[in-house]
Amino acid sequence: MVKVTIWGSLRSATDGQVEVEVDARNFKELLDRLATEYPGLKPQIERGVSLALDGKIYREAWFTEIGPKSEVVLMPYMTGG
C-alpha cells in the first residue's frame, strides 16, 4: 500500500481526507486506483494532475515506480516556467 497525501482542492473529492492509501506499484496504477476508489478525483485526473515522489514533481511519468515507503503527493496540474 502507498500512502498518498492529497493536496489542496483535491481533498474535496476524498471527503476531506488529507491522506489515503492505495495499492499501486507505479503512477499509472496509482491514478487508476484513485479514480476508481474516489470517483470525484476522476475528472481532475483526466484533466491532468502532478505527482510528487520523494520531493520531485512528475507529470505523465506513468511507469515511474513507487516504493512502499515513498512520499507521494497528488496535486492539481502544476504549470509555470
C-alpha atoms as a PDB file:
ATOM      1  CA  MET A   1       0.000   0.000   0.000  1.00  0.00           C
ATOM      2  CA  VAL A   2       1.122   3.515  -0.816  1.00  0.00           C
ATOM      3  CA  LYS A   3       0.176   6.499   1.327  1.00  0.00           C
ATOM      4  CA  VAL A   4      -0.804   9.460  -0.828  1.00  0.00           C
ATOM      5  CA  THR A   5      -1.118  12.991   0.512  1.00  0.00           C
ATOM      6  CA  ILE A   6      -3.974  14.797  -1.230  1.00  0.00           C
ATOM      7  CA  TRP A   7      -3.157  18.443  -1.853  1.00  0.00           C
ATOM      8  CA  GLY A   8      -5.463  21.443  -1.653  1.00  0.00           C
ATOM      9  CA  SER A   9      -8.730  21.480  -3.581  1.00  0.00           C
ATOM     10  CA  LEU A  10      -8.430  17.776  -4.471  1.00  0.00           C
ATOM     11  CA  ARG A  11      -9.320  16.906  -0.869  1.00  0.00           C
ATOM     12  CA  SER A  12     -12.967  17.675  -1.545  1.00  0.00           C
ATOM     13  CA  ALA A  13     -13.034  14.546  -3.747  1.00  0.00           C
ATOM     14  CA  THR A  14     -11.721  12.397  -0.871  1.00  0.00           C
ATOM     15  CA  ASP A  15     -14.262  13.638   1.676  1.00  0.00           C
ATOM     16  CA  GLY A  16     -11.644  15.944   3.143  1.00  0.00           C
ATOM     17  CA  GLN A  17      -9.107  13.198   3.785  1.00  0.00           C
ATOM     18  CA  VAL A  18      -5.577  14.549   3.780  1.00  0.00           C
ATOM     19  CA  GLU A  19      -4.049  11.115   3.252  1.00  0.00           C
ATOM     20  CA  VAL A  20      -5.370   7.991   1.538  1.00  0.00           C
ATOM     21  CA  GLU A  21      -3.868   4.563   0.888  1.00  0.00           C
ATOM     22  CA  VAL A  22      -3.956   2.656  -2.387  1.00  0.00           C
ATOM     23  CA  ASP A  23      -2.316  -0.490  -3.695  1.00  0.00           C
ATOM     24  CA  ALA A  24      -0.062   0.613  -6.564  1.00  0.00           C
ATOM     25  CA  ARG A  25       3.438  -0.023  -7.911  1.00  0.00           C
ATOM     26  CA  ASN A  26       3.667   2.893 -10.358  1.00  0.00           C
ATOM     27  CA  PHE A  27       1.962   6.195 -11.169  1.00  0.00           C
ATOM     28  CA  LYS A  28      -0.443   4.695 -13.720  1.00  0.00           C
ATOM     29  CA  GLU A  29      -1.741   2.130 -11.223  1.00  0.00           C
ATOM     30  CA  LEU A  30      -1.955   4.810  -8.549  1.00  0.00           C
ATOM     31  CA  LEU A  31      -4.029   7.172 -10.713  1.00  0.00           C
ATOM     32  CA  ASP A  32      -6.276   4.347 -11.958  1.00  0.00           C
ATOM     33  CA  ARG A  33      -6.971   3.161  -8.415  1.00  0.00           C
ATOM     34  CA  LEU A  34      -7.531   6.665  -7.086  1.00  0.00           C
ATOM     35  CA  ALA A  35     -10.048   7.331  -9.882  1.00  0.00           C
ATOM     36  CA  THR A  36     -11.866   4.090  -9.013  1.00  0.00           C
ATOM     37  CA  GLU A  37     -11.837   4.477  -5.224  1.00  0.00           C
ATOM     38  CA  TYR A  38     -12.548   8.233  -5.277  1.00  0.00           C
ATOM     39  CA  PRO A  39     -14.718   8.908  -8.354  1.00  0.00           C
ATOM     40  CA  GLY A  40     -14.702  12.629  -7.610  1.00  0.00           C
ATOM     41  CA  LEU A  41     -10.984  12.671  -8.472  1.00  0.00           C
ATOM     42  CA  LYS A  42     -11.505  11.134 -11.911  1.00  0.00           C
ATOM     43  CA  PRO A  43     -12.350  14.391 -13.775  1.00  0.00           C
ATOM     44  CA  GLN A  44      -9.264  16.121 -12.358  1.00  0.00           C
ATOM     45  CA  ILE A  45      -7.052  13.119 -13.102  1.00  0.00           C
ATOM     46  CA  GLU A  46      -8.328  13.140 -16.693  1.00  0.00           C
ATOM     47  CA  ARG A  47      -7.584  16.897 -16.989  1.00  0.00           C
ATOM     48  CA  GLY A  48      -4.158  16.351 -15.522  1.00  0.00           C
ATOM     49  CA  VAL A  49      -2.511  16.121 -12.142  1.00  0.00           C
ATOM     50  CA  SER A  50       1.015  16.366 -10.846  1.00  0.00           C
ATOM     51  CA  LEU A  51       2.528  13.807  -8.534  1.00  0.00           C
ATOM     52  CA  ALA A  52       5.456  14.438  -6.258  1.00  0.00           C
ATOM     53  CA  LEU A  53       7.544  11.401  -5.434  1.00  0.00           C
ATOM     54  CA  ASP A  54      10.070  11.910  -2.668  1.00  0.00           C
ATOM     55  CA  GLY A  55      10.137  15.647  -3.354  1.00  0.00           C
ATOM     56  CA  LYS A  56      10.390  15.523  -7.173  1.00  0.00           C
ATOM     57  CA  ILE A  57       7.337  16.609  -9.230  1.00  0.00           C
ATOM     58  CA  TYR A  58       6.278  14.413 -12.151  1.00  0.00           C
ATOM     59  CA  ARG A  59       3.624  14.690 -14.832  1.00  0.00           C
ATOM     60  CA  GLU A  60       2.774  11.814 -17.174  1.00  0.00           C
ATOM     61  CA  ALA A  61       5.555   9.585 -15.878  1.00  0.00           C
ATOM     62  CA  TRP A  62       3.174   6.621 -15.989  1.00  0.00           C
ATOM     63  CA  PHE A  63       5.551   3.800 -15.197  1.00  0.00           C
ATOM     64  CA  THR A  64       7.694   5.519 -12.592  1.00  0.00           C
ATOM     65  CA  GLU A  65       7.938   3.019  -9.756  1.00  0.00           C
ATOM     66  CA  ILE A  66       6.650   3.854  -6.307  1.00  0.00           C
ATOM     67  CA  GLY A  67       8.109   2.136  -3.271  1.00  0.00           C
ATOM     68  CA  PRO A  68       6.029   1.283  -0.197  1.00  0.00           C
ATOM     69  CA  LYS A  69       7.900   3.897   1.860  1.00  0.00           C
ATOM     70  CA  SER A  70       7.871   6.615  -0.820  1.00  0.00           C
ATOM     71  CA  GLU A  71       6.421  10.028  -0.041  1.00  0.00           C
ATOM     72  CA  VAL A  72       3.685  10.645  -2.636  1.00  0.00           C
ATOM     73  CA  VAL A  73       1.679  13.859  -3.024  1.00  0.00           C
ATOM     74  CA  LEU A  74      -1.190  14.291  -5.524  1.00  0.00           C
ATOM     75  CA  MET A  75      -1.663  17.905  -6.699  1.00  0.00           C
ATOM     76  CA  PRO A  76      -3.632  19.748  -9.357  1.00  0.00           C
ATOM     77  CA  TYR A  77      -1.538  20.047 -12.515  1.00  0.00           C
ATOM     78  CA  MET A  78       1.320  22.469 -11.888  1.00  0.00           C
ATOM     79  CA  THR A  79       2.259  24.898 -14.654  1.00  0.00           C
ATOM     80  CA  GLY A  80       4.829  27.581 -14.813  1.00  0.00           C
ATOM     81  CA  GLY A  81       8.235  28.301 -16.100  1.00  0.00           C
END
